[in-house]
Amino acid sequence: MSSAIANAFKQSLKRRSFLAVFLVLLLGAIGINATTSALHLFFRKEALPLRVKDGQGLGALPMRIGNWLAVDEAHTIDADMEHSLGTDKYLFRDYVDLSATVGGAAPVTTEAEVKAMSGLTPNEIGLKLRKFRENNHNAVLRLSLTYYTGKVDTVPHVPERCLVADGFQQTKWQTPTWHMGNYADGSPRDIEVRFIDFEDQTTREGENMCVTYFFHANGIYQQDPYEVRRRLQSLTSKYAYFSKIEVLTLLPRSLEGALDASTQREKLRAASGVSVQQFLTSALPEIEKMLPDPAIFAR
């Protein structure tokens, strides 16, 4: 502090009004700190790392999950997209159902065929997966995992915004509660999810999508992104993290010629939901092993 500033401060202390304001602010600061400490309140959140070995990240998720086997192909994104995503902790992976059949008879594919796809080009892999889906629409699904920690910002990139902006329209929006096995203590893992049917409204040759997504935030599952943010903002929690779990299946773009197209569409949608629920029943215990211990938030 310079001599001029020091002298000015000393002169200010001689004025009763300044001294009164100074003491009020000082006592207020001390009171806030004391209250925050006594009530264990946290205005700044600390980050929690994933429970995986160094460098593995979400890629530690097993390639084989129940009847599902992942295609050994790395789905990467460029730096700009990663910046937009808001995290470098993500996983995009296609899984093939080895129990899927063609009309209830022969299997759609074999474990050996899926493993052999690791030597193919991305275009060749895409053609293979398309063939599997043509034989059984629920034989292939894409799992997307993202992980954010230490922040309480608005949840980014939910399908209702991203897919609509890309030319898709929501035709059916549901929030069912799915039973997906039990936790280690035997309690049911009943989770409310968002299950949305999107139809492509563009002229491109694409397929319609059924998207299921929800979050694991500070120890619990939640389907509403706004509730996720409220949970992260809780002043009684020292930490903040959430993971978005999203599963996408592709459905036929058109059912032209079908006399009961709406009924057929509903059957396809329902079958997709059953398939995704079965996959998640096997996948969630593995995903939970990577996420922070929920016991941290039960103390």
C-alpha atoms as a PDB file:
ATOM      1  CA  MET A   1       0.000   0.000   0.000  1.00  0.00           C
ATOM      2  CA  SER A   2       1.476   3.396  -0.977  1.00  0.00           C
ATOM      3  CA  SER A   3       1.885   6.138   1.624  1.00  0.00           C
ATOM      4  CA  ALA A   4      -0.834   8.240  -0.037  1.00  0.00           C
ATOM      5  CA  ILE A   5      -3.345   5.405   0.106  1.00  0.00           C
ATOM      6  CA  ALA A   6      -2.316   4.565   3.692  1.00  0.00           C
ATOM      7  CA  ASN A   7      -2.812   8.173   4.776  1.00  0.00           C
ATOM      8  CA  ALA A   8      -6.195   8.329   3.049  1.00  0.00           C
ATOM      9  CA  PHE A   9      -7.270   5.147   4.806  1.00  0.00           C
ATOM     10  CA  LYS A  10      -6.179   6.489   8.211  1.00  0.00           C
ATOM     11  CA  GLN A  11      -8.112   9.702   7.604  1.00  0.00           C
ATOM     12  CA  SER A  12     -11.215   7.695   6.634  1.00  0.00           C
ATOM     13  CA  LEU A  13     -11.029   5.721   9.881  1.00  0.00           C
ATOM     14  CA  LYS A  14     -11.396   9.000  11.785  1.00  0.00           C
ATOM     15  CA  ARG A  15     -14.850   9.508  10.220  1.00  0.00           C
ATOM     16  CA  ARG A  16     -17.552   7.747  12.215  1.00  0.00           C
ATOM     17  CA  SER A  17     -19.746   7.012   9.178  1.00  0.00           C
ATOM     18  CA  PHE A  18     -16.920   5.290   7.330  1.00  0.00           C
ATOM     19  CA  LEU A  19     -15.931   3.336  10.418  1.00  0.00           C
ATOM     20  CA  ALA A  20     -19.527   2.186  10.977  1.00  0.00           C
ATOM     21  CA  VAL A  21     -19.878   0.953   7.381  1.00  0.00           C
ATOM     22  CA  PHE A  22     -16.469  -0.729   7.552  1.00  0.00           C
ATOM     23  CA  LEU A  23     -17.392  -2.583  10.749  1.00  0.00           C
ATOM     24  CA  VAL A  24     -20.777  -3.696   9.339  1.00  0.00           C
ATOM     25  CA  LEU A  25     -19.124  -5.106   6.205  1.00  0.00           C
ATOM     26  CA  LEU A  26     -16.421  -6.802   8.263  1.00  0.00           C
ATOM     27  CA  LEU A  27     -18.915  -8.403  10.635  1.00  0.00           C
ATOM     28  CA  GLY A  28     -21.070  -9.438   7.680  1.00  0.00           C
ATOM     29  CA  ALA A  29     -18.154 -11.171   5.979  1.00  0.00           C
ATOM     30  CA  ILE A  30     -17.223 -12.947   9.193  1.00  0.00           C
ATOM     31  CA  GLY A  31     -20.855 -13.943   9.740  1.00  0.00           C
ATOM     32  CA  ILE A  32     -21.264 -15.345   6.237  1.00  0.00           C
ATOM     33  CA  ASN A  33     -18.087 -17.377   6.516  1.00  0.00           C
ATOM     34  CA  ALA A  34     -19.086 -18.668   9.950  1.00  0.00           C
ATOM     35  CA  THR A  35     -22.594 -19.583   8.784  1.00  0.00           C
ATOM     36  CA  THR A  36     -21.288 -21.280   5.642  1.00  0.00           C
ATOM     37  CA  SER A  37     -18.858 -23.326   7.698  1.00  0.00           C
ATOM     38  CA  ALA A  38     -21.388 -24.210  10.399  1.00  0.00           C
ATOM     39  CA  LEU A  39     -24.077 -25.286   7.934  1.00  0.00           C
ATOM     40  CA  HIS A  40     -21.592 -27.009   5.586  1.00  0.00           C
ATOM     41  CA  LEU A  41     -22.636 -24.965   2.572  1.00  0.00           C
ATOM     42  CA  PHE A  42     -20.659 -25.004  -0.666  1.00  0.00           C
ATOM     43  CA  PHE A  43     -20.915 -22.199  -3.214  1.00  0.00           C
ATOM     44  CA  ARG A  44     -18.123 -23.560  -5.409  1.00  0.00           C
ATOM     45  CA  LYS A  45     -18.262 -27.156  -6.587  1.00  0.00           C
ATOM     46  CA  GLU A  46     -15.347 -29.536  -6.774  1.00  0.00           C
ATOM     47  CA  ALA A  47     -14.847 -32.000  -9.620  1.00  0.00           C
ATOM     48  CA  LEU A  48     -15.084 -35.766  -9.190  1.00  0.00           C
ATOM     49  CA  PRO A  49     -13.036 -38.069 -11.436  1.00  0.00           C
ATOM     50  CA  LEU A  50     -14.408 -41.200 -13.041  1.00  0.00           C
ATOM     51  CA  ARG A  51     -13.627 -44.431 -11.208  1.00  0.00           C
ATOM     52  CA  VAL A  52     -11.483 -45.886 -13.998  1.00  0.00           C
ATOM     53  CA  LYS A  53      -7.804 -46.415 -14.606  1.00  0.00           C
ATOM     54  CA  ASP A  54      -5.829 -43.435 -15.847  1.00  0.00           C
ATOM     55  CA  GLY A  55      -6.370 -42.755 -19.517  1.00  0.00           C
ATOM     56  CA  GLN A  56      -9.262 -45.173 -20.009  1.00  0.00           C
ATOM     57  CA  GLY A  57     -12.120 -42.763 -19.440  1.00  0.00           C
ATOM     58  CA  LEU A  58     -15.560 -43.963 -20.491  1.00  0.00           C
ATOM     59  CA  GLY A  59     -13.815 -46.320 -22.909  1.00  0.00           C
ATOM     60  CA  ALA A  60     -13.446 -48.655 -19.918  1.00  0.00           C
ATOM     61  CA  LEU A  61     -17.021 -49.779 -20.569  1.00  0.00           C
ATOM     62  CA  PRO A  62     -16.894 -53.467 -21.625  1.00  0.00           C
ATOM     63  CA  MET A  63     -17.252 -54.301 -25.305  1.00  0.00           C
ATOM     64  CA  ARG A  64     -19.490 -57.250 -24.382  1.00  0.00           C
ATOM     65  CA  ILE A  65     -22.611 -56.379 -22.409  1.00  0.00           C
ATOM     66  CA  GLY A  66     -25.067 -59.229 -21.952  1.00  0.00           C
ATOM     67  CA  ASN A  67     -26.108 -60.408 -25.415  1.00  0.00           C
ATOM     68  CA  TRP A  68     -24.680 -57.265 -26.970  1.00  0.00           C
ATOM     69  CA  LEU A  69     -21.261 -56.956 -28.573  1.00  0.00           C
ATOM     70  CA  ALA A  70     -19.728 -53.613 -29.540  1.00  0.00           C
ATOM     71  CA  VAL A  71     -18.297 -52.968 -32.973  1.00  0.00           C
ATOM     72  CA  ASP A  72     -14.593 -52.272 -32.543  1.00  0.00           C
ATOM     73  CA  GLU A  73     -14.665 -48.873 -34.205  1.00  0.00           C
ATOM     74  CA  ALA A  74     -13.647 -45.608 -32.558  1.00  0.00           C
ATOM     75  CA  HIS A  75     -16.214 -42.853 -33.102  1.00  0.00           C
ATOM     76  CA  THR A  76     -14.226 -39.653 -32.684  1.00  0.00           C
ATOM     77  CA  ILE A  77     -15.153 -36.000 -33.076  1.00  0.00           C
ATOM     78  CA  ASP A  78     -13.038 -33.046 -34.151  1.00  0.00           C
ATOM     79  CA  ALA A  79     -11.816 -30.296 -31.834  1.00  0.00           C
ATOM     80  CA  ASP A  80     -14.648 -27.909 -32.717  1.00  0.00           C
ATOM     81  CA  MET A  81     -17.325 -30.491 -31.988  1.00  0.00           C
ATOM     82  CA  GLU A  82     -15.588 -31.476 -28.751  1.00  0.00           C
ATOM     83  CA  HIS A  83     -15.582 -27.828 -27.716  1.00  0.00           C
ATOM     84  CA  SER A  84     -19.288 -27.630 -28.517  1.00  0.00           C
ATOM     85  CA  LEU A  85     -19.910 -30.827 -26.570  1.00  0.00           C
ATOM     86  CA  GLY A  86     -18.318 -29.198 -23.538  1.00  0.00           C
ATOM     87  CA  THR A  87     -16.320 -32.207 -22.357  1.00  0.00           C
ATOM     88  CA  ASP A  88     -13.515 -34.510 -23.452  1.00  0.00           C
ATOM     89  CA  LYS A  89     -15.076 -37.408 -21.570  1.00  0.00           C
ATOM     90  CA  TYR A  90     -17.398 -39.110 -24.030  1.00  0.00           C
ATOM     91  CA  LEU A  91     -18.085 -42.458 -25.671  1.00  0.00           C
ATOM     92  CA  PHE A  92     -20.022 -43.200 -28.869  1.00  0.00           C
ATOM     93  CA  ARG A  93     -20.268 -46.906 -29.596  1.00  0.00           C
ATOM     94  CA  ASP A  94     -22.460 -49.234 -31.706  1.00  0.00           C
ATOM     95  CA  TYR A  95     -23.643 -52.474 -30.097  1.00  0.00           C
ATOM     96  CA  VAL A  96     -25.060 -55.479 -31.972  1.00  0.00           C
ATOM     97  CA  ASP A  97     -27.535 -57.884 -30.378  1.00  0.00           C
ATOM     98  CA  LEU A  98     -26.179 -61.385 -30.933  1.00  0.00           C
ATOM     99  CA  SER A  99     -29.528 -62.849 -29.855  1.00  0.00           C
ATOM    100  CA  ALA A 100     -31.461 -60.976 -32.564  1.00  0.00           C
ATOM    101  CA  THR A 101     -33.013 -63.191 -35.233  1.00  0.00           C
ATOM    102  CA  VAL A 102     -34.463 -62.827 -38.716  1.00  0.00           C
ATOM    103  CA  GLY A 103     -38.173 -63.417 -38.274  1.00  0.00           C
ATOM    104  CA  GLY A 104     -37.592 -65.550 -35.197  1.00  0.00           C
ATOM    105  CA  ALA A 105     -35.424 -68.051 -37.073  1.00  0.00           C
ATOM    106  CA  ALA A 106     -31.743 -67.642 -38.020  1.00  0.00           C
ATOM    107  CA  PRO A 107     -29.567 -65.177 -36.086  1.00  0.00           C
ATOM    108  CA  VAL A 108     -28.945 -61.800 -37.686  1.00  0.00           C
ATOM    109  CA  THR A 109     -25.205 -62.206 -37.177  1.00  0.00           C
ATOM    110  CA  THR A 110     -22.578 -64.035 -35.169  1.00  0.00           C
ATOM    111  CA  GLU A 111     -19.962 -63.008 -32.637  1.00  0.00           C
ATOM    112  CA  ALA A 112     -17.209 -63.904 -35.099  1.00  0.00           C
ATOM    113  CA  GLU A 113     -18.719 -61.698 -37.816  1.00  0.00           C
ATOM    114  CA  VAL A 114     -19.032 -58.700 -35.499  1.00  0.00           C
ATOM    115  CA  LYS A 115     -15.457 -59.093 -34.252  1.00  0.00           C
ATOM    116  CA  ALA A 116     -14.213 -59.351 -37.832  1.00  0.00           C
ATOM    117  CA  MET A 117     -15.700 -55.933 -38.577  1.00  0.00           C
ATOM    118  CA  SER A 118     -12.750 -54.320 -36.779  1.00  0.00           C
ATOM    119  CA  GLY A 119     -10.739 -54.701 -39.987  1.00  0.00           C
ATOM    120  CA  LEU A 120     -13.293 -52.906 -42.180  1.00  0.00           C
ATOM    121  CA  THR A 121     -13.454 -49.278 -43.227  1.00  0.00           C
ATOM    122  CA  PRO A 122     -16.071 -47.000 -41.596  1.00  0.00           C
ATOM    123  CA  ASN A 123     -18.137 -47.119 -44.798  1.00  0.00           C
ATOM    124  CA  GLU A 124     -18.028 -50.925 -44.874  1.00  0.00           C
ATOM    125  CA  ILE A 125     -19.017 -51.079 -41.225  1.00  0.00           C
ATOM    126  CA  GLY A 126     -21.935 -48.765 -41.923  1.00  0.00           C
ATOM    127  CA  LEU A 127     -23.169 -51.035 -44.732  1.00  0.00           C
ATOM    128  CA  LYS A 128     -22.894 -54.098 -42.478  1.00  0.00           C
ATOM    129  CA  LEU A 129     -24.890 -52.439 -39.715  1.00  0.00           C
ATOM    130  CA  ARG A 130     -27.526 -51.335 -42.199  1.00  0.00           C
ATOM    131  CA  LYS A 131     -27.892 -54.928 -43.376  1.00  0.00           C
ATOM    132  CA  PHE A 132     -28.326 -56.125 -39.791  1.00  0.00           C
ATOM    133  CA  ARG A 133     -31.062 -53.530 -39.225  1.00  0.00           C
ATOM    134  CA  GLU A 134     -32.829 -54.481 -42.456  1.00  0.00           C
ATOM    135  CA  ASN A 135     -33.148 -58.002 -41.090  1.00  0.00           C
ATOM    136  CA  ASN A 136     -34.100 -56.841 -37.595  1.00  0.00           C
ATOM    137  CA  HIS A 137     -34.567 -53.167 -36.739  1.00  0.00           C
ATOM    138  CA  ASN A 138     -33.556 -53.743 -33.129  1.00  0.00           C
ATOM    139  CA  ALA A 139     -30.356 -55.662 -33.853  1.00  0.00           C
ATOM    140  CA  VAL A 140     -28.199 -52.521 -33.609  1.00  0.00           C
ATOM    141  CA  LEU A 141     -28.186 -49.580 -31.241  1.00  0.00           C
ATOM    142  CA  ARG A 142     -25.830 -46.693 -30.552  1.00  0.00           C
ATOM    143  CA  LEU A 143     -24.812 -45.841 -27.017  1.00  0.00           C
ATOM    144  CA  SER A 144     -23.674 -42.283 -26.253  1.00  0.00           C
ATOM    145  CA  LEU A 145     -22.144 -41.416 -22.893  1.00  0.00           C
ATOM    146  CA  THR A 146     -20.892 -38.019 -21.781  1.00  0.00           C
ATOM    147  CA  TYR A 147     -19.520 -36.925 -18.416  1.00  0.00           C
ATOM    148  CA  TYR A 148     -19.347 -33.438 -16.890  1.00  0.00           C
ATOM    149  CA  THR A 149     -18.027 -32.449 -13.472  1.00  0.00           C
ATOM    150  CA  GLY A 150     -17.271 -29.371 -11.386  1.00  0.00           C
ATOM    151  CA  LYS A 151     -19.893 -27.261 -13.191  1.00  0.00           C
ATOM    152  CA  VAL A 152     -23.506 -26.285 -12.606  1.00  0.00           C
ATOM    153  CA  ASP A 153     -24.212 -24.947 -16.096  1.00  0.00           C
ATOM    154  CA  THR A 154     -27.277 -25.738 -18.169  1.00  0.00           C
ATOM    155  CA  VAL A 155     -27.266 -29.320 -19.454  1.00  0.00           C
ATOM    156  CA  PRO A 156     -26.066 -29.179 -23.080  1.00  0.00           C
ATOM    157  CA  HIS A 157     -27.123 -31.145 -26.134  1.00  0.00           C
ATOM    158  CA  VAL A 158     -30.430 -32.817 -25.425  1.00  0.00           C
ATOM    159  CA  PRO A 159     -32.095 -34.529 -28.422  1.00  0.00           C
ATOM    160  CA  GLU A 160     -35.181 -32.293 -28.331  1.00  0.00           C
ATOM    161  CA  ARG A 161     -32.968 -29.378 -29.350  1.00  0.00           C
ATOM    162  CA  CYS A 162     -30.220 -30.995 -31.402  1.00  0.00           C
ATOM    163  CA  LEU A 163     -32.305 -33.361 -33.554  1.00  0.00           C
ATOM    164  CA  VAL A 164     -35.081 -30.845 -34.173  1.00  0.00           C
ATOM    165  CA  ALA A 165     -32.437 -28.375 -35.349  1.00  0.00           C
ATOM    166  CA  ASP A 166     -31.161 -31.106 -37.688  1.00  0.00           C
ATOM    167  CA  GLY A 167     -34.531 -31.567 -39.406  1.00  0.00           C
ATOM    168  CA  PHE A 168     -36.281 -34.149 -37.214  1.00  0.00           C
ATOM    169  CA  GLN A 169     -39.732 -33.802 -35.677  1.00  0.00           C
ATOM    170  CA  GLN A 170     -40.928 -35.332 -32.424  1.00  0.00           C
ATOM    171  CA  THR A 171     -43.892 -37.590 -33.154  1.00  0.00           C
ATOM    172  CA  LYS A 172     -44.197 -39.202 -29.742  1.00  0.00           C
ATOM    173  CA  TRP A 173     -42.678 -38.100 -26.419  1.00  0.00           C
ATOM    174  CA  GLN A 174     -42.938 -40.269 -23.314  1.00  0.00           C
ATOM    175  CA  THR A 175     -41.363 -40.515 -19.860  1.00  0.00           C
ATOM    176  CA  PRO A 176     -41.908 -44.142 -18.844  1.00  0.00           C
ATOM    177  CA  THR A 177     -40.416 -45.669 -15.717  1.00  0.00           C
ATOM    178  CA  TRP A 178     -38.436 -48.764 -16.648  1.00  0.00           C
ATOM    179  CA  HIS A 179     -37.360 -51.505 -14.294  1.00  0.00           C
ATOM    180  CA  MET A 180     -33.729 -52.245 -15.145  1.00  0.00           C
ATOM    181  CA  GLY A 181     -32.596 -54.856 -12.668  1.00  0.00           C
ATOM    182  CA  ASN A 182     -31.645 -54.306  -9.044  1.00  0.00           C
ATOM    183  CA  TYR A 183     -28.914 -52.432  -7.235  1.00  0.00           C
ATOM    184  CA  ALA A 184     -26.286 -54.269  -5.188  1.00  0.00           C
ATOM    185  CA  ASP A 185     -28.448 -53.919  -2.055  1.00  0.00           C
ATOM    186  CA  GLY A 186     -31.358 -55.648  -3.799  1.00  0.00           C
ATOM    187  CA  SER A 187     -33.510 -52.533  -4.258  1.00  0.00           C
ATOM    188  CA  PRO A 188     -35.128 -52.158  -7.694  1.00  0.00           C
ATOM    189  CA  ARG A 189     -33.401 -50.002 -10.295  1.00  0.00           C
ATOM    190  CA  ASP A 190     -36.551 -48.251 -11.511  1.00  0.00           C
ATOM    191  CA  ILE A 191     -35.637 -45.262 -13.648  1.00  0.00           C
ATOM    192  CA  GLU A 192     -37.799 -42.666 -15.357  1.00  0.00           C
ATOM    193  CA  VAL A 193     -36.425 -42.069 -18.860  1.00  0.00           C
ATOM    194  CA  ARG A 194     -37.229 -39.883 -21.836  1.00  0.00           C
ATOM    195  CA  PHE A 195     -38.286 -42.011 -24.798  1.00  0.00           C
ATOM    196  CA  ILE A 196     -38.820 -39.960 -27.954  1.00  0.00           C
ATOM    197  CA  ASP A 197     -39.742 -40.950 -31.492  1.00  0.00           C
ATOM    198  CA  PHE A 198     -38.257 -38.624 -34.124  1.00  0.00           C
ATOM    199  CA  GLU A 199     -39.225 -38.577 -37.811  1.00  0.00           C
ATOM    200  CA  ASP A 200     -36.902 -37.184 -40.458  1.00  0.00           C
ATOM    201  CA  GLN A 201     -38.612 -34.247 -42.180  1.00  0.00           C
ATOM    202  CA  THR A 202     -35.850 -33.631 -44.717  1.00  0.00           C
ATOM    203  CA  THR A 203     -35.430 -34.937 -48.265  1.00  0.00           C
ATOM    204  CA  ARG A 204     -32.251 -36.864 -47.437  1.00  0.00           C
ATOM    205  CA  GLU A 205     -32.296 -40.637 -47.471  1.00  0.00           C
ATOM    206  CA  GLY A 206     -32.171 -41.206 -43.748  1.00  0.00           C
ATOM    207  CA  GLU A 207     -34.044 -43.213 -41.156  1.00  0.00           C
ATOM    208  CA  ASN A 208     -36.285 -42.259 -38.277  1.00  0.00           C
ATOM    209  CA  MET A 209     -34.982 -42.494 -34.725  1.00  0.00           C
ATOM    210  CA  CYS A 210     -36.114 -43.617 -31.329  1.00  0.00           C
ATOM    211  CA  VAL A 211     -33.997 -41.948 -28.661  1.00  0.00           C
ATOM    212  CA  THR A 212     -33.895 -42.866 -24.989  1.00  0.00           C
ATOM    213  CA  TYR A 213     -31.943 -40.688 -22.594  1.00  0.00           C
ATOM    214  CA  PHE A 214     -31.574 -39.779 -18.934  1.00  0.00           C
ATOM    215  CA  PHE A 215     -28.887 -38.629 -16.509  1.00  0.00           C
ATOM    216  CA  HIS A 216     -26.954 -39.805 -13.493  1.00  0.00           C
ATOM    217  CA  ALA A 217     -26.374 -36.665 -11.413  1.00  0.00           C
ATOM    218  CA  ASN A 218     -24.758 -36.471  -7.982  1.00  0.00           C
ATOM    219  CA  GLY A 219     -25.664 -40.057  -7.134  1.00  0.00           C
ATOM    220  CA  ILE A 220     -29.174 -40.416  -8.566  1.00  0.00           C
ATOM    221  CA  TYR A 221     -30.925 -40.941 -11.908  1.00  0.00           C
ATOM    222  CA  GLN A 222     -32.990 -38.107 -13.362  1.00  0.00           C
ATOM    223  CA  GLN A 223     -34.662 -37.593 -16.750  1.00  0.00           C
ATOM    224  CA  ASP A 224     -35.312 -33.837 -16.531  1.00  0.00           C
ATOM    225  CA  PRO A 225     -32.257 -31.698 -17.432  1.00  0.00           C
ATOM    226  CA  TYR A 226     -33.613 -28.777 -15.393  1.00  0.00           C
ATOM    227  CA  GLU A 227     -33.880 -30.974 -12.308  1.00  0.00           C
ATOM    228  CA  VAL A 228     -30.299 -32.068 -12.950  1.00  0.00           C
ATOM    229  CA  ARG A 229     -29.165 -28.464 -12.797  1.00  0.00           C
ATOM    230  CA  ARG A 230     -31.129 -27.844  -9.590  1.00  0.00           C
ATOM    231  CA  ARG A 231     -29.503 -30.859  -7.983  1.00  0.00           C
ATOM    232  CA  LEU A 232     -26.032 -29.697  -8.970  1.00  0.00           C
ATOM    233  CA  GLN A 233     -26.778 -26.249  -7.512  1.00  0.00           C
ATOM    234  CA  SER A 234     -27.588 -27.655  -4.076  1.00  0.00           C
ATOM    235  CA  LEU A 235     -25.523 -25.703  -1.530  1.00  0.00           C
ATOM    236  CA  THR A 236     -25.194 -28.767   0.698  1.00  0.00           C
ATOM    237  CA  SER A 237     -23.230 -30.702  -1.917  1.00  0.00           C
ATOM    238  CA  LYS A 238     -19.476 -30.211  -2.131  1.00  0.00           C
ATOM    239  CA  TYR A 239     -19.220 -31.844  -5.558  1.00  0.00           C
ATOM    240  CA  ALA A 240     -21.044 -31.656  -8.876  1.00  0.00           C
ATOM    241  CA  TYR A 241     -21.150 -34.152 -11.738  1.00  0.00           C
ATOM    242  CA  PHE A 242     -23.606 -35.599 -14.201  1.00  0.00           C
ATOM    243  CA  SER A 243     -23.464 -38.153 -16.975  1.00  0.00           C
ATOM    244  CA  LYS A 244     -25.898 -38.256 -19.887  1.00  0.00           C
ATOM    245  CA  ILE A 245     -26.809 -41.779 -20.965  1.00  0.00           C
ATOM    246  CA  GLU A 246     -28.397 -41.934 -24.406  1.00  0.00           C
ATOM    247  CA  VAL A 247     -29.375 -44.859 -26.627  1.00  0.00           C
ATOM    248  CA  LEU A 248     -30.486 -44.473 -30.234  1.00  0.00           C
ATOM    249  CA  THR A 249     -32.173 -46.997 -32.498  1.00  0.00           C
ATOM    250  CA  LEU A 250     -33.074 -46.470 -36.152  1.00  0.00           C
ATOM    251  CA  LEU A 251     -36.497 -47.306 -37.585  1.00  0.00           C
ATOM    252  CA  PRO A 252     -37.872 -47.404 -41.145  1.00  0.00           C
ATOM    253  CA  ARG A 253     -38.423 -43.941 -42.530  1.00  0.00           C
ATOM    254  CA  SER A 254     -41.650 -44.789 -44.288  1.00  0.00           C
ATOM    255  CA  LEU A 255     -44.401 -47.351 -43.891  1.00  0.00           C
ATOM    256  CA  GLU A 256     -46.047 -46.458 -47.194  1.00  0.00           C
ATOM    257  CA  GLY A 257     -48.396 -49.126 -48.478  1.00  0.00           C
ATOM    258  CA  ALA A 258     -49.266 -50.390 -45.018  1.00  0.00           C
ATOM    259  CA  LEU A 259     -53.013 -50.291 -44.384  1.00  0.00           C
ATOM    260  CA  ASP A 260     -52.407 -49.681 -40.699  1.00  0.00           C
ATOM    261  CA  ALA A 261     -49.220 -47.602 -40.809  1.00  0.00           C
ATOM    262  CA  SER A 262     -49.866 -45.960 -37.421  1.00  0.00           C
ATOM    263  CA  THR A 263     -50.361 -49.340 -35.749  1.00  0.00           C
ATOM    264  CA  GLN A 264     -47.210 -50.694 -37.377  1.00  0.00           C
ATOM    265  CA  ARG A 265     -45.301 -47.615 -36.271  1.00  0.00           C
ATOM    266  CA  GLU A 266     -46.458 -48.119 -32.691  1.00  0.00           C
ATOM    267  CA  LYS A 267     -45.349 -51.763 -32.775  1.00  0.00           C
ATOM    268  CA  LEU A 268     -41.898 -50.776 -34.057  1.00  0.00           C
ATOM    269  CA  ARG A 269     -41.626 -48.090 -31.390  1.00  0.00           C
ATOM    270  CA  ALA A 270     -42.663 -50.481 -28.622  1.00  0.00           C
ATOM    271  CA  ALA A 271     -40.219 -53.149 -29.814  1.00  0.00           C
ATOM    272  CA  SER A 272     -37.450 -50.568 -29.831  1.00  0.00           C
ATOM    273  CA  GLY A 273     -38.265 -49.637 -26.239  1.00  0.00           C
ATOM    274  CA  VAL A 274     -38.134 -53.261 -25.118  1.00  0.00           C
ATOM    275  CA  SER A 275     -34.776 -53.769 -26.816  1.00  0.00           C
ATOM    276  CA  VAL A 276     -33.255 -50.629 -25.298  1.00  0.00           C
ATOM    277  CA  GLN A 277     -34.589 -51.502 -21.848  1.00  0.00           C
ATOM    278  CA  GLN A 278     -33.018 -54.964 -22.063  1.00  0.00           C
ATOM    279  CA  PHE A 279     -29.687 -53.483 -23.133  1.00  0.00           C
ATOM    280  CA  LEU A 280     -29.669 -50.899 -20.347  1.00  0.00           C
ATOM    281  CA  THR A 281     -30.527 -53.541 -17.763  1.00  0.00           C
ATOM    282  CA  SER A 282     -27.170 -55.152 -18.566  1.00  0.00           C
ATOM    283  CA  ALA A 283     -25.266 -51.919 -19.253  1.00  0.00           C
ATOM    284  CA  LEU A 284     -26.157 -49.762 -16.245  1.00  0.00           C
ATOM    285  CA  PRO A 285     -24.293 -51.839 -13.635  1.00  0.00           C
ATOM    286  CA  GLU A 286     -21.165 -51.491 -15.790  1.00  0.00           C
ATOM    287  CA  ILE A 287     -21.714 -47.755 -16.289  1.00  0.00           C
ATOM    288  CA  GLU A 288     -22.261 -47.241 -12.568  1.00  0.00           C
ATOM    289  CA  LYS A 289     -18.873 -48.818 -11.820  1.00  0.00           C
ATOM    290  CA  MET A 290     -17.241 -45.935 -13.712  1.00  0.00           C
ATOM    291  CA  LEU A 291     -19.239 -43.111 -12.135  1.00  0.00           C
ATOM    292  CA  PRO A 292     -18.476 -41.595  -8.702  1.00  0.00           C
ATOM    293  CA  ASP A 293     -19.650 -43.574  -5.678  1.00  0.00           C
ATOM    294  CA  PRO A 294     -23.256 -42.510  -4.819  1.00  0.00           C
ATOM    295  CA  ALA A 295     -22.388 -42.965  -1.126  1.00  0.00           C
ATOM    296  CA  ILE A 296     -20.502 -39.653  -1.340  1.00  0.00           C
ATOM    297  CA  PHE A 297     -23.851 -37.869  -1.623  1.00  0.00           C
ATOM    298  CA  ALA A 298     -25.647 -39.930   1.027  1.00  0.00           C
ATOM    299  CA  ARG A 299     -23.464 -38.668   3.896  1.00  0.00           C
END
